[in-house]
Amino acid sequence: MPYVMGIDHKYIVMGSLVCTTGVAIFSTYKWLRERRRRNKSSVYESQKLLNEYLVFHYGAKEEVLKYDFGPKDSLDFPKRCADMCLKHTKGFGKTKTLNRALDIGCAVGRSSFELAREFQEVIGIDYSQSFVDACEHMRDLGEKVYFIQEEGDLVTPLIAKVSDGIERGRCTFEQGDACDLRHDLGSFGCVLAANLICRLHAPYNFLRRLSDLVAPGGILIITSPYTWLEEFTDKETWLGGYKKDGQAVTGFATLKKELGPSFSLLESCDMPFFIRETARKNQWTVAHCTVWSRKMN
């Protein structure tokens, strides 16, 4: 048996094989994570999805749901989210901080514009650059042409419009990662995170930033259907939807645990929403809405 420097060569070969295999596994893992990140990015950049979100945010009721039957109370979800914010911030003082609002995961901006009815400054942040571009187009021009799919290649043109009376110039929009927000955002009287937390790659990072983003006495509103998917979030960082030591862990329970030291829970309720895909295929989902007040200490 050949020896190399007094060592049986088969051990050298085996050791090299283990090292090579380990590197290959690690490289494959990194490749898969990067592919998933790119796939996630591409999901949010498609023109089809942009059109679906424009009608979700700005579509008239008869444009979204043309039938006499159906869940009418599920329409206008982005406006209802903003209304919930305005309800809980009514009577806020006119301090500069409390007059700022942050809409994280703003999509195409309807909630941001609605918040501008009362807040002097509104910042909308979204992961998708195409969504941010649409927001800026709506801010600058007040409207945008888009198309809704009826059937196959058949589409109908529509116009998304910001409601009259809203000072669109109060809103600014930027692309950003909710799990790694820029550090100079400052604090806000209201932070809205609508249907966001179950689409984040590091949701705990986001939750732990909130005590800095929400000013003492300010309001935080989170809505989520708690649809945890490994496509977006590694399973070990899900906020809920699994068992630990034989006990079920829910997203709401984790929110209370993570937010409890800095926030008080004011309200929780169910908020249905309806996303139109085609004339006959749609999504009906029920989000859980939780309203939190930032503690003063």
Protein backbone atom coordinates (compact mmCIF):
# COMPACT_ATOMS: atom_id res chain seq x y z
CA MET A 1 0.00 0.00 0.00
CA PRO A 2 1.54 3.40 -1.00
CA TYR A 3 2.34 5.84 1.75
CA VAL A 4 2.73 9.61 1.56
CA MET A 5 4.96 11.06 4.29
CA GLY A 6 4.24 7.95 6.32
CA ILE A 7 0.45 8.19 5.94
CA ASP A 8 -1.62 5.61 4.10
CA HIS A 9 -2.80 7.39 0.91
CA LYS A 10 -6.36 6.04 1.27
CA TYR A 11 -6.86 8.26 4.32
CA ILE A 12 -5.62 11.24 2.38
CA VAL A 13 -8.04 10.46 -0.46
CA MET A 14 -10.94 9.94 1.96
CA GLY A 15 -10.16 13.17 3.79
CA SER A 16 -9.95 15.09 0.55
CA LEU A 17 -13.24 13.55 -0.56
CA VAL A 18 -14.97 14.61 2.66
CA CYS A 19 -13.62 18.17 2.34
CA THR A 20 -14.60 18.36 -1.32
CA THR A 21 -18.07 17.01 -0.58
CA GLY A 22 -18.50 19.50 2.25
CA VAL A 23 -17.54 22.40 0.00
CA ALA A 24 -19.88 21.11 -2.70
CA ILE A 25 -22.78 20.83 -0.25
CA PHE A 26 -22.14 24.32 1.10
CA SER A 27 -21.84 25.74 -2.42
CA THR A 28 -25.07 24.02 -3.46
CA TYR A 29 -26.80 25.41 -0.36
CA LYS A 30 -25.63 28.93 -1.22
CA TRP A 31 -26.71 28.46 -4.84
CA LEU A 32 -30.17 27.29 -3.80
CA ARG A 33 -30.58 30.23 -1.41
CA GLU A 34 -29.50 32.68 -4.12
CA ARG A 35 -31.82 31.07 -6.66
CA ARG A 36 -34.69 31.32 -4.21
CA ARG A 37 -33.84 34.99 -3.56
CA ARG A 38 -33.80 35.70 -7.29
CA ASN A 39 -37.02 33.77 -7.82
CA LYS A 40 -38.65 35.80 -5.07
CA SER A 41 -37.45 39.00 -6.69
CA SER A 42 -38.74 37.93 -10.10
CA VAL A 43 -42.12 37.01 -8.59
CA TYR A 44 -42.60 40.60 -7.50
CA GLU A 45 -41.35 42.12 -10.75
CA SER A 46 -43.82 40.58 -13.21
CA GLN A 47 -46.15 42.88 -15.15
CA LYS A 48 -49.05 40.52 -14.46
CA LEU A 49 -48.57 40.83 -10.72
CA LEU A 50 -48.21 44.60 -10.97
CA ASN A 51 -51.57 44.79 -12.76
CA GLU A 52 -53.17 42.53 -10.14
CA TYR A 53 -51.92 44.78 -7.35
CA LEU A 54 -53.04 47.95 -9.12
CA VAL A 55 -56.60 46.65 -9.34
CA PHE A 56 -56.35 45.33 -5.77
CA HIS A 57 -55.40 48.81 -4.56
CA TYR A 58 -57.29 51.15 -6.88
CA GLY A 59 -59.97 49.15 -8.68
CA ALA A 60 -63.58 50.20 -8.29
CA LYS A 61 -65.77 47.58 -6.66
CA GLU A 62 -67.44 46.67 -9.95
CA GLU A 63 -64.01 46.32 -11.61
CA VAL A 64 -62.70 43.96 -8.95
CA LEU A 65 -65.87 41.93 -8.40
CA LYS A 66 -68.35 42.31 -11.23
CA TYR A 67 -70.92 39.86 -9.88
CA ASP A 68 -73.93 40.71 -7.73
CA PHE A 69 -72.81 38.03 -5.29
CA GLY A 70 -69.47 37.57 -3.58
CA PRO A 71 -67.54 38.92 -0.58
CA LYS A 72 -68.12 42.65 -1.04
CA ASP A 73 -66.86 43.35 2.47
CA SER A 74 -63.42 42.09 1.40
CA LEU A 75 -62.80 44.86 -1.13
CA ASP A 76 -60.70 48.02 -0.62
CA PHE A 77 -58.34 46.24 1.78
CA PRO A 78 -55.48 48.80 1.46
CA LYS A 79 -57.88 51.66 2.28
CA ARG A 80 -59.31 49.73 5.22
CA CYS A 81 -55.78 49.24 6.55
CA ALA A 82 -55.15 52.98 6.35
CA ASP A 83 -58.52 53.67 7.96
CA MET A 84 -57.52 51.44 10.87
CA CYS A 85 -54.35 53.49 11.25
CA LEU A 86 -56.26 56.77 11.17
CA LYS A 87 -58.80 55.49 13.66
CA HIS A 88 -56.12 54.71 16.24
CA THR A 89 -54.04 57.85 15.64
CA LYS A 90 -56.97 60.25 15.77
CA GLY A 91 -56.22 63.11 18.11
CA PHE A 92 -52.46 62.73 17.90
CA GLY A 93 -50.56 65.90 18.72
CA LYS A 94 -48.92 67.85 15.95
CA THR A 95 -45.35 66.98 16.87
CA LYS A 96 -43.11 66.33 13.90
CA THR A 97 -42.48 62.70 14.87
CA LEU A 98 -46.11 61.75 15.47
CA ASN A 99 -47.03 63.34 12.13
CA ARG A 100 -44.85 60.86 10.25
CA ALA A 101 -46.17 57.51 8.97
CA LEU A 102 -44.31 54.52 7.54
CA ASP A 103 -45.95 51.99 5.22
CA ILE A 104 -43.63 48.96 5.02
CA GLY A 105 -44.47 46.64 2.16
CA CYS A 106 -46.47 49.44 0.55
CA ALA A 107 -46.90 47.56 -2.78
CA VAL A 108 -48.43 50.11 -5.21
CA GLY A 109 -49.17 52.73 -2.60
CA ARG A 110 -52.90 53.02 -1.87
CA SER A 111 -52.48 52.84 1.91
CA SER A 112 -49.63 55.37 1.79
CA PHE A 113 -51.75 57.90 -0.08
CA GLU A 114 -54.69 57.36 2.27
CA LEU A 115 -52.42 57.96 5.26
CA ALA A 116 -51.41 61.29 3.69
CA ARG A 117 -54.94 62.54 4.41
CA GLU A 118 -53.81 63.10 8.00
CA PHE A 119 -50.06 62.61 8.22
CA GLN A 120 -47.74 65.37 7.01
CA GLU A 121 -45.06 62.92 5.90
CA VAL A 122 -45.55 59.35 4.65
CA ILE A 123 -42.75 57.01 3.57
CA GLY A 124 -43.66 53.91 1.60
CA ILE A 125 -41.08 51.14 1.25
CA ASP A 126 -41.36 48.02 -0.87
CA TYR A 127 -39.02 45.21 -1.95
CA SER A 128 -40.20 45.46 -5.55
CA GLN A 129 -38.70 48.21 -7.67
CA SER A 130 -41.56 47.94 -10.17
CA PHE A 131 -44.04 48.58 -7.34
CA VAL A 132 -42.01 51.59 -6.18
CA ASP A 133 -41.90 52.90 -9.76
CA ALA A 134 -45.70 52.61 -9.93
CA CYS A 135 -46.03 54.47 -6.62
CA GLU A 136 -43.86 57.32 -7.87
CA HIS A 137 -45.82 57.45 -11.13
CA MET A 138 -49.07 57.71 -9.15
CA ARG A 139 -47.61 60.40 -6.89
CA ASP A 140 -46.31 62.50 -9.78
CA LEU A 141 -49.25 62.13 -12.19
CA GLY A 142 -52.12 61.03 -9.95
CA GLU A 143 -53.11 58.15 -12.22
CA LYS A 144 -51.77 55.21 -14.20
CA VAL A 145 -53.12 53.06 -17.02
CA TYR A 146 -53.03 49.31 -16.44
CA PHE A 147 -54.74 46.17 -17.72
CA ILE A 148 -56.75 43.45 -16.02
CA GLN A 149 -56.91 39.93 -17.44
CA GLU A 150 -60.36 38.68 -18.35
CA GLU A 151 -59.60 35.33 -19.97
CA GLY A 152 -56.41 34.06 -21.59
CA ASP A 153 -55.03 36.91 -23.70
CA LEU A 154 -58.18 39.04 -23.34
CA VAL A 155 -57.56 42.13 -21.21
CA THR A 156 -59.40 45.32 -20.27
CA PRO A 157 -57.63 48.67 -19.81
CA LEU A 158 -58.33 50.56 -16.60
CA ILE A 159 -57.02 53.70 -14.93
CA ALA A 160 -55.77 53.70 -11.34
CA LYS A 161 -56.35 57.09 -9.68
CA VAL A 162 -55.37 58.66 -6.37
CA SER A 163 -58.45 60.12 -4.73
CA ASP A 164 -59.01 63.86 -5.02
CA GLY A 165 -58.14 65.83 -1.92
CA ILE A 166 -55.05 63.79 -1.05
CA GLU A 167 -51.82 65.77 -0.99
CA ARG A 168 -49.73 63.30 -2.93
CA GLY A 169 -46.56 65.31 -2.38
CA ARG A 170 -46.58 64.26 1.27
CA CYS A 171 -45.59 60.76 0.14
CA THR A 172 -42.15 59.49 -0.80
CA PHE A 173 -41.35 55.96 -1.91
CA GLU A 174 -38.23 53.85 -1.93
CA GLN A 175 -37.08 50.32 -2.59
CA GLY A 176 -35.91 48.50 0.51
CA ASP A 177 -35.70 45.28 2.46
CA ALA A 178 -37.95 45.27 5.52
CA CYS A 179 -35.44 43.01 7.26
CA ASP A 180 -32.60 45.46 6.67
CA LEU A 181 -34.06 48.96 6.62
CA ARG A 182 -31.76 51.94 6.43
CA HIS A 183 -30.75 53.21 9.85
CA ASP A 184 -31.60 56.88 9.33
CA LEU A 185 -35.35 56.45 8.83
CA GLY A 186 -36.07 57.92 12.25
CA SER A 187 -39.25 57.19 14.20
CA PHE A 188 -42.92 57.49 13.30
CA GLY A 189 -46.28 58.09 14.87
CA CYS A 190 -47.71 55.22 12.83
CA VAL A 191 -46.15 52.16 11.20
CA LEU A 192 -48.23 49.90 8.95
CA ALA A 193 -47.05 46.44 7.90
CA ALA A 194 -49.88 44.95 5.84
CA ASN A 195 -49.56 41.29 4.83
CA LEU A 196 -45.80 41.48 5.14
CA ILE A 197 -44.38 39.34 7.93
CA CYS A 198 -45.06 35.96 6.31
CA ARG A 199 -43.19 37.04 3.16
CA LEU A 200 -39.94 38.12 4.86
CA HIS A 201 -36.69 36.18 4.72
CA ALA A 202 -35.79 37.27 8.28
CA PRO A 203 -39.02 38.25 10.07
CA TYR A 204 -37.43 38.38 13.54
CA ASN A 205 -35.04 41.07 12.29
CA PHE A 206 -38.02 43.14 11.22
CA LEU A 207 -39.91 42.70 14.50
CA ARG A 208 -36.88 43.67 16.57
CA ARG A 209 -36.45 46.91 14.61
CA LEU A 210 -40.00 48.07 15.34
CA SER A 211 -39.33 49.48 18.80
CA ASP A 212 -36.97 51.99 17.16
CA LEU A 213 -39.31 52.81 14.27
CA VAL A 214 -42.45 53.48 16.31
CA ALA A 215 -42.21 56.56 18.52
CA PRO A 216 -43.32 56.27 22.18
CA GLY A 217 -47.10 56.55 22.16
CA GLY A 218 -47.19 55.72 18.45
CA ILE A 219 -49.24 53.03 16.74
CA LEU A 220 -48.14 49.84 14.98
CA ILE A 221 -50.57 47.90 12.81
CA ILE A 222 -49.69 44.46 11.46
CA THR A 223 -51.96 42.39 9.24
CA SER A 224 -51.11 38.85 8.16
CA PRO A 225 -52.86 35.68 7.01
CA TYR A 226 -49.91 33.77 8.56
CA THR A 227 -49.25 31.82 5.36
CA TRP A 228 -45.73 30.63 6.13
CA LEU A 229 -43.92 29.25 3.09
CA GLU A 230 -40.35 28.04 2.69
CA GLU A 231 -40.38 29.77 -0.70
CA PHE A 232 -40.02 33.04 1.21
CA THR A 233 -38.82 32.16 4.72
CA ASP A 234 -36.54 29.40 6.00
CA LYS A 235 -38.65 27.17 8.20
CA GLU A 236 -36.43 27.71 11.24
CA THR A 237 -37.35 31.40 11.19
CA TRP A 238 -41.12 31.05 10.75
CA LEU A 239 -42.98 33.04 13.38
CA GLY A 240 -45.62 30.33 13.66
CA GLY A 241 -47.24 27.37 11.98
CA TYR A 242 -45.22 24.63 13.68
CA LYS A 243 -44.97 22.63 16.90
CA LYS A 244 -42.31 23.05 19.56
CA ASP A 245 -42.02 20.53 22.38
CA GLY A 246 -45.36 19.15 21.27
CA GLN A 247 -47.11 22.52 21.52
CA ALA A 248 -48.52 24.51 18.60
CA VAL A 249 -46.78 27.83 17.93
CA THR A 250 -48.88 30.46 16.14
CA GLY A 251 -47.85 33.68 14.48
CA PHE A 252 -50.04 35.70 16.86
CA ALA A 253 -48.43 34.08 19.91
CA THR A 254 -44.97 34.96 18.60
CA LEU A 255 -46.02 38.54 17.88
CA LYS A 256 -47.18 38.91 21.48
CA LYS A 257 -43.95 37.42 22.76
CA GLU A 258 -41.66 39.54 20.57
CA LEU A 259 -43.58 42.81 20.76
CA GLY A 260 -44.78 42.54 24.36
CA PRO A 261 -41.75 44.18 26.02
CA SER A 262 -42.16 47.41 24.00
CA PHE A 263 -45.80 47.40 22.85
CA SER A 264 -49.29 47.01 24.31
CA LEU A 265 -51.92 45.18 22.26
CA LEU A 266 -54.92 47.45 21.69
CA GLU A 267 -57.07 45.49 19.26
CA SER A 268 -57.14 42.36 17.15
CA CYS A 269 -59.67 41.51 14.47
CA ASP A 270 -60.15 39.61 11.23
CA MET A 271 -59.80 41.54 7.97
CA PRO A 272 -60.77 39.68 4.78
CA PHE A 273 -59.34 40.69 1.44
CA PHE A 274 -60.03 39.81 -2.17
CA ILE A 275 -57.44 39.71 -4.97
CA ARG A 276 -58.69 39.56 -8.54
CA GLU A 277 -56.70 37.40 -10.96
CA THR A 278 -59.10 36.96 -13.86
CA ALA A 279 -62.80 37.56 -14.41
CA ARG A 280 -63.54 34.17 -12.83
CA LYS A 281 -60.49 33.26 -10.74
CA ASN A 282 -59.75 35.14 -7.56
CA GLN A 283 -58.22 34.85 -4.09
CA TRP A 284 -60.25 35.33 -0.92
CA THR A 285 -58.16 35.42 2.25
CA VAL A 286 -58.65 36.45 5.87
CA ALA A 287 -55.83 38.43 7.44
CA HIS A 288 -55.43 38.84 11.18
CA CYS A 289 -55.08 42.50 12.13
CA THR A 290 -53.32 43.46 15.34
CA VAL A 291 -53.02 47.03 16.64
CA TRP A 292 -50.22 47.90 19.06
CA SER A 293 -49.31 51.01 21.04
CA ARG A 294 -45.65 51.78 21.69
CA LYS A 295 -45.04 51.96 25.43
CA MET A 296 -43.77 55.25 26.80
CA ASN A 297 -40.86 53.79 28.79
